[in-house]
C-alpha cells in the first residue's frame, strides 16, 4: 500500500486514519474531563504512545508498536490519569506549542525530503498544544456563590504575603486591597470578640468584592487592638484566607504600633 506521504515511509492511508481516530478520541476525552474540572496527568503519556506507534512503520521497528500501545493503555486506564485542577489550566504555553508545531510541520512539508523527524516533532507539538488549549477552554467557569458562615467558620490560611493593608483612623481601621486581583470578602471581626460582621461601603451597603486598590472602612472602638478579615481570592475560589492585623491600643501606649 502506498505511503501517506514520502516523509512518512511505511505509513499508509489506513494507518494514518487509525492514528487520526485515536487522536480525536483522546482530545474528546480531554475535553470531557476538563468540563468536570480535571486536567491530564498520566494521560499525557498518550503523546509519546502515539509517537512510538507512528515511528514503528517509519523506522521499521515493530517492537515500537507494542511500546506505544502499552503507553496508550496506561494513559487511558490508569486510575489517576486525570487530576483535579484547582484553577483553570493556562492557555499561553499550549498556544505557543501549537503554533510552533504548526510552523514546524508546515515547513517540513514544504521542504520535502529529509524532513521526517521535523514533521513528526511538529505533529507532536501541535497535538500537545491542542490538548492544553482544549483543557483550558473546556474548564468550567467558577460560580461565584455567596460567602457566608461556612467560609467564616471553615478552615482558613494566613498567606505568607498579605493581600490587604490596614490604616488606623480615629474611629476605626481602613483596609485596602494591595494585591493585583479582586478579593471576595466573607466578613470580619474585631480581635477581642469571636464575631462575624459584614464589610460595608461608606454608604452602609454590604461590600462583597474589594477591587484592586479599593478600600473599605471597619468601625472599631478605641480599646480594640486588632482585626480579622476573611476573604477568598477571585483567582483561587477554593481557598479561604485570613488577614490578621494587631496593634497596641491608644490607652495602652501613646502611639499605635502595627505588628
Protein backbone atom coordinates (compact mmCIF):
# COMPACT_ATOMS: atom_id res chain seq x y z
CA UNK A 1 0.00 0.00 0.00
CA UNK A 2 1.35 3.45 -0.95
CA UNK A 3 2.59 5.61 1.92
CA UNK A 4 0.50 8.56 3.05
CA UNK A 5 3.41 10.94 2.32
CA UNK A 6 7.04 10.38 1.25
CA UNK A 7 8.09 11.93 4.57
CA UNK A 8 6.41 9.06 6.47
CA UNK A 9 7.55 5.84 4.80
CA UNK A 10 5.53 2.82 5.81
CA UNK A 11 2.54 4.88 6.99
CA UNK A 12 -0.39 4.02 4.74
CA UNK A 13 -3.60 5.96 4.45
CA UNK A 14 -5.48 3.41 6.56
CA UNK A 15 -2.80 3.50 9.25
CA UNK A 16 -2.85 7.31 9.26
CA UNK A 17 -6.66 7.29 9.57
CA UNK A 18 -6.40 4.96 12.57
CA UNK A 19 -3.95 7.32 14.26
CA UNK A 20 -6.22 10.26 13.49
CA UNK A 21 -9.15 8.48 15.15
CA UNK A 22 -7.01 7.82 18.25
CA UNK A 23 -6.04 11.49 18.37
CA UNK A 24 -9.69 12.57 18.00
CA UNK A 25 -10.76 10.19 20.76
CA UNK A 26 -8.07 11.45 23.15
CA UNK A 27 -8.83 15.12 22.52
CA UNK A 28 -12.50 14.35 23.12
CA UNK A 29 -11.61 12.64 26.38
CA UNK A 30 -9.52 15.64 27.44
CA UNK A 31 -12.47 17.92 26.71
CA UNK A 32 -14.90 15.71 28.63
CA UNK A 33 -12.63 15.53 31.67
CA UNK A 34 -11.96 19.29 31.55
CA UNK A 35 -15.69 20.04 31.70
CA UNK A 36 -15.73 18.13 35.00
CA UNK A 37 -12.77 20.08 36.38
CA UNK A 38 -9.95 17.61 35.60
CA UNK A 39 -6.71 18.06 33.67
CA UNK A 40 -4.43 15.41 32.10
CA UNK A 41 -1.93 13.79 34.44
CA UNK A 42 -0.69 10.34 33.43
CA UNK A 43 -2.90 10.84 30.37
CA UNK A 44 -0.07 12.89 28.83
CA UNK A 45 1.62 9.55 28.12
CA UNK A 46 -0.74 9.40 25.14
CA UNK A 47 1.63 11.73 23.27
CA UNK A 48 4.76 9.50 23.50
CA UNK A 49 2.50 6.49 22.95
CA UNK A 50 1.29 7.87 19.62
CA UNK A 51 4.89 8.76 18.80
CA UNK A 52 6.03 5.17 19.26
CA UNK A 53 3.11 3.83 17.21
CA UNK A 54 3.93 6.28 14.41
CA UNK A 55 7.66 5.55 14.45
CA UNK A 56 7.15 1.77 14.27
CA UNK A 57 6.48 1.70 10.48
CA UNK A 58 8.60 4.77 9.76
CA UNK A 59 11.74 3.23 11.30
CA UNK A 60 10.62 -0.34 10.54
CA UNK A 61 10.97 -1.32 14.20
CA UNK A 62 7.85 -3.40 15.07
CA UNK A 63 8.55 -3.51 18.86
CA UNK A 64 7.88 0.23 18.99
CA UNK A 65 4.25 -0.50 18.16
CA UNK A 66 3.93 -2.64 21.29
CA UNK A 67 5.61 0.03 23.42
CA UNK A 68 3.28 2.68 22.03
CA UNK A 69 0.20 0.51 22.57
CA UNK A 70 1.27 -0.07 26.18
CA UNK A 71 1.68 3.65 26.80
CA UNK A 72 -1.75 4.34 25.28
CA UNK A 73 -3.36 1.73 27.52
CA UNK A 74 -1.56 3.19 30.52
CA UNK A 75 -2.76 6.71 29.68
CA UNK A 76 -6.33 5.51 29.24
CA UNK A 77 -6.85 3.16 32.17
CA UNK A 78 -4.51 4.49 34.87
CA UNK A 79 -6.66 5.28 37.96
CA UNK A 80 -5.38 8.86 38.24
CA UNK A 81 -4.88 9.56 34.55
CA UNK A 82 -6.69 12.88 35.03
CA UNK A 83 -6.21 15.02 38.12
CA UNK A 84 -8.47 17.57 39.75
CA UNK A 85 -7.45 21.07 38.65
CA UNK A 86 -7.65 23.73 41.37
CA UNK A 87 -7.75 26.53 38.82
CA UNK A 88 -8.31 26.85 35.10
CA UNK A 89 -5.26 25.48 33.21
CA UNK A 90 -3.28 28.15 31.45
CA UNK A 91 -3.53 28.60 27.68
CA UNK A 92 -0.35 30.56 26.90
CA UNK A 93 2.15 27.70 26.66
CA UNK A 94 -0.28 25.36 24.85
CA UNK A 95 -0.90 28.09 22.28
CA UNK A 96 2.85 28.58 21.79
CA UNK A 97 3.34 24.81 21.41
CA UNK A 98 0.51 24.56 18.88
CA UNK A 99 1.84 27.46 16.80
CA UNK A 100 5.39 26.09 16.88
CA UNK A 101 4.16 22.63 15.90
CA UNK A 102 2.08 24.06 13.07
CA UNK A 103 5.00 26.11 11.75
CA UNK A 104 7.44 23.20 12.06
CA UNK A 105 5.13 20.77 10.31
CA UNK A 106 4.30 23.20 7.54
CA UNK A 107 8.00 23.92 6.96
CA UNK A 108 8.81 20.21 6.83
CA UNK A 109 6.06 19.53 4.28
CA UNK A 110 7.23 22.39 2.07
CA UNK A 111 10.90 21.39 2.30
CA UNK A 112 10.28 17.76 1.35
CA UNK A 113 12.93 15.04 1.55
CA UNK A 114 14.88 14.58 4.76
CA UNK A 115 12.32 16.32 6.96
CA UNK A 116 10.70 13.25 8.55
CA UNK A 117 11.79 13.99 12.14
CA UNK A 118 10.88 17.71 11.99
CA UNK A 119 7.45 16.74 10.66
CA UNK A 120 6.88 14.25 13.49
CA UNK A 121 8.13 16.75 16.07
CA UNK A 122 5.77 19.38 14.68
CA UNK A 123 2.81 16.98 14.84
CA UNK A 124 3.58 16.13 18.48
CA UNK A 125 3.89 19.79 19.45
CA UNK A 126 0.61 20.54 17.68
CA UNK A 127 -1.14 17.65 19.45
CA UNK A 128 0.16 18.68 22.88
CA UNK A 129 -0.80 22.30 22.30
CA UNK A 130 -4.31 21.39 21.14
CA UNK A 131 -4.83 19.21 24.22
CA UNK A 132 -3.70 22.03 26.51
CA UNK A 133 -5.94 24.57 24.77
CA UNK A 134 -8.94 22.24 24.97
CA UNK A 135 -8.30 21.61 28.69
CA UNK A 136 -8.23 25.36 29.31
CA UNK A 137 -11.23 26.25 27.12
CA UNK A 138 -13.49 23.46 28.39
CA UNK A 139 -12.72 24.05 32.08
CA UNK A 140 -15.96 25.16 33.81
CA UNK A 141 -16.28 28.78 34.79
CA UNK A 142 -16.18 29.38 38.52
CA UNK A 143 -19.59 30.08 40.00
CA UNK A 144 -19.39 32.94 42.49
CA UNK A 145 -21.58 31.69 45.30
CA UNK A 146 -22.31 33.98 48.20
CA UNK A 147 -19.81 33.72 51.01
CA UNK A 148 -21.31 33.13 54.43
CA UNK A 149 -20.89 31.25 57.69
CA UNK A 150 -19.35 28.21 56.02
CA UNK A 151 -16.47 30.44 54.92
CA UNK A 152 -16.14 32.26 58.23
CA UNK A 153 -16.10 29.15 60.40
CA UNK A 154 -14.35 26.82 57.98
CA UNK A 155 -10.65 26.22 57.58
CA UNK A 156 -8.65 29.28 56.57
CA UNK A 157 -5.00 30.05 55.94
CA UNK A 158 -2.87 33.11 56.67
CA UNK A 159 -0.96 33.92 53.45
CA UNK A 160 2.78 34.44 53.54
CA UNK A 161 2.35 37.85 51.92
CA UNK A 162 -0.86 39.73 52.83
CA UNK A 163 -3.30 40.90 50.17
CA UNK A 164 -4.65 43.62 52.45
CA UNK A 165 -3.14 46.57 54.28
CA UNK A 166 -4.62 48.42 57.24
CA UNK A 167 -4.55 52.09 58.20
CA UNK A 168 -5.80 53.22 61.62
CA UNK A 169 -8.16 56.17 61.89
CA UNK A 170 -9.68 57.90 64.95
CA UNK A 171 -12.90 55.89 64.54
CA UNK A 172 -11.67 52.54 63.27
CA UNK A 173 -9.50 50.96 60.61
CA UNK A 174 -9.36 51.20 56.86
CA UNK A 175 -8.38 48.10 54.89
CA UNK A 176 -7.09 48.34 51.34
CA UNK A 177 -6.65 45.68 48.67
CA UNK A 178 -2.93 45.84 47.82
CA UNK A 179 -2.98 42.78 45.55
CA UNK A 180 -3.38 42.86 41.79
CA UNK A 181 -6.70 40.98 41.72
CA UNK A 182 -10.16 41.42 43.28
CA UNK A 183 -10.86 39.84 46.66
CA UNK A 184 -14.21 38.43 47.73
CA UNK A 185 -14.90 39.42 51.33
CA UNK A 186 -16.55 36.90 53.64
CA UNK A 187 -16.64 39.01 56.81
CA UNK A 188 -14.55 40.49 59.58
CA UNK A 189 -14.29 40.58 63.35
CA UNK A 190 -12.50 42.69 65.99
CA UNK A 191 -9.70 40.85 67.71
CA UNK A 192 -11.37 40.98 71.13
CA UNK A 193 -14.51 39.06 70.08
CA UNK A 194 -15.21 35.94 68.08
CA UNK A 195 -17.72 37.54 65.76
CA UNK A 196 -18.71 37.80 62.12
CA UNK A 197 -19.54 41.19 60.64
CA UNK A 198 -20.15 42.22 57.08
CA UNK A 199 -17.74 44.63 55.44
CA UNK A 200 -19.68 47.69 54.28
CA UNK A 201 -19.01 50.63 52.00
CA UNK A 202 -19.24 54.28 53.17
CA UNK A 203 -22.98 54.25 52.34
CA UNK A 204 -23.55 51.28 54.65
CA UNK A 205 -24.19 48.72 51.91
CA UNK A 206 -22.56 45.26 52.16
CA UNK A 207 -19.29 45.16 50.20
CA UNK A 208 -18.86 41.68 48.75
CA UNK A 209 -15.87 42.31 46.48
CA UNK A 210 -12.89 44.56 47.07
CA UNK A 211 -11.29 45.57 43.79
CA UNK A 212 -7.54 46.04 43.44
CA UNK A 213 -6.66 49.32 45.16
CA UNK A 214 -10.12 49.74 46.70
CA UNK A 215 -10.56 50.47 50.41
CA UNK A 216 -13.24 49.68 52.99
CA UNK A 217 -13.85 51.06 56.48
CA UNK A 218 -14.15 48.89 59.62
CA UNK A 219 -15.68 50.72 62.61
CA UNK A 220 -13.81 49.93 65.83
CA UNK A 221 -13.94 51.04 69.45
CA UNK A 222 -10.88 52.86 70.78
CA UNK A 223 -9.89 49.94 73.01
CA UNK A 224 -9.67 47.41 70.15
CA UNK A 225 -6.23 46.11 69.31
CA UNK A 226 -6.70 44.28 66.04
CA UNK A 227 -8.96 42.97 63.28
CA UNK A 228 -9.50 39.71 61.44
CA UNK A 229 -10.76 39.68 57.83
CA UNK A 230 -11.77 36.53 55.96
CA UNK A 231 -11.66 36.65 52.18
CA UNK A 232 -11.36 34.50 49.06
CA UNK A 233 -9.17 35.47 46.08
CA UNK A 234 -11.13 35.53 42.83
CA UNK A 235 -8.33 33.63 41.10
CA UNK A 236 -8.34 30.89 43.78
CA UNK A 237 -12.01 30.47 44.72
CA UNK A 238 -11.43 27.19 46.60
CA UNK A 239 -9.16 28.77 49.24
CA UNK A 240 -10.22 30.90 52.22
CA UNK A 241 -7.56 33.29 53.51
CA UNK A 242 -7.35 35.18 56.79
CA UNK A 243 -5.88 38.65 57.22
CA UNK A 244 -4.62 39.42 60.74
CA UNK A 245 -3.63 42.87 61.97
CA UNK A 246 -2.73 43.68 65.58
CA UNK A 247 -1.64 46.88 67.27
CA UNK A 248 -1.31 48.48 70.68
CA UNK A 249 -4.49 50.39 71.66
CA UNK A 250 -4.25 54.11 72.33
CA UNK A 251 -4.91 53.90 76.06
CA UNK A 252 -2.03 51.44 76.47
CA UNK A 253 0.54 53.44 74.56
CA UNK A 254 0.80 56.91 73.11
CA UNK A 255 1.36 55.71 69.59
CA UNK A 256 -0.15 52.78 67.80
CA UNK A 257 2.36 50.22 66.60
CA UNK A 258 1.43 47.71 63.91
CA UNK A 259 2.79 44.16 64.23
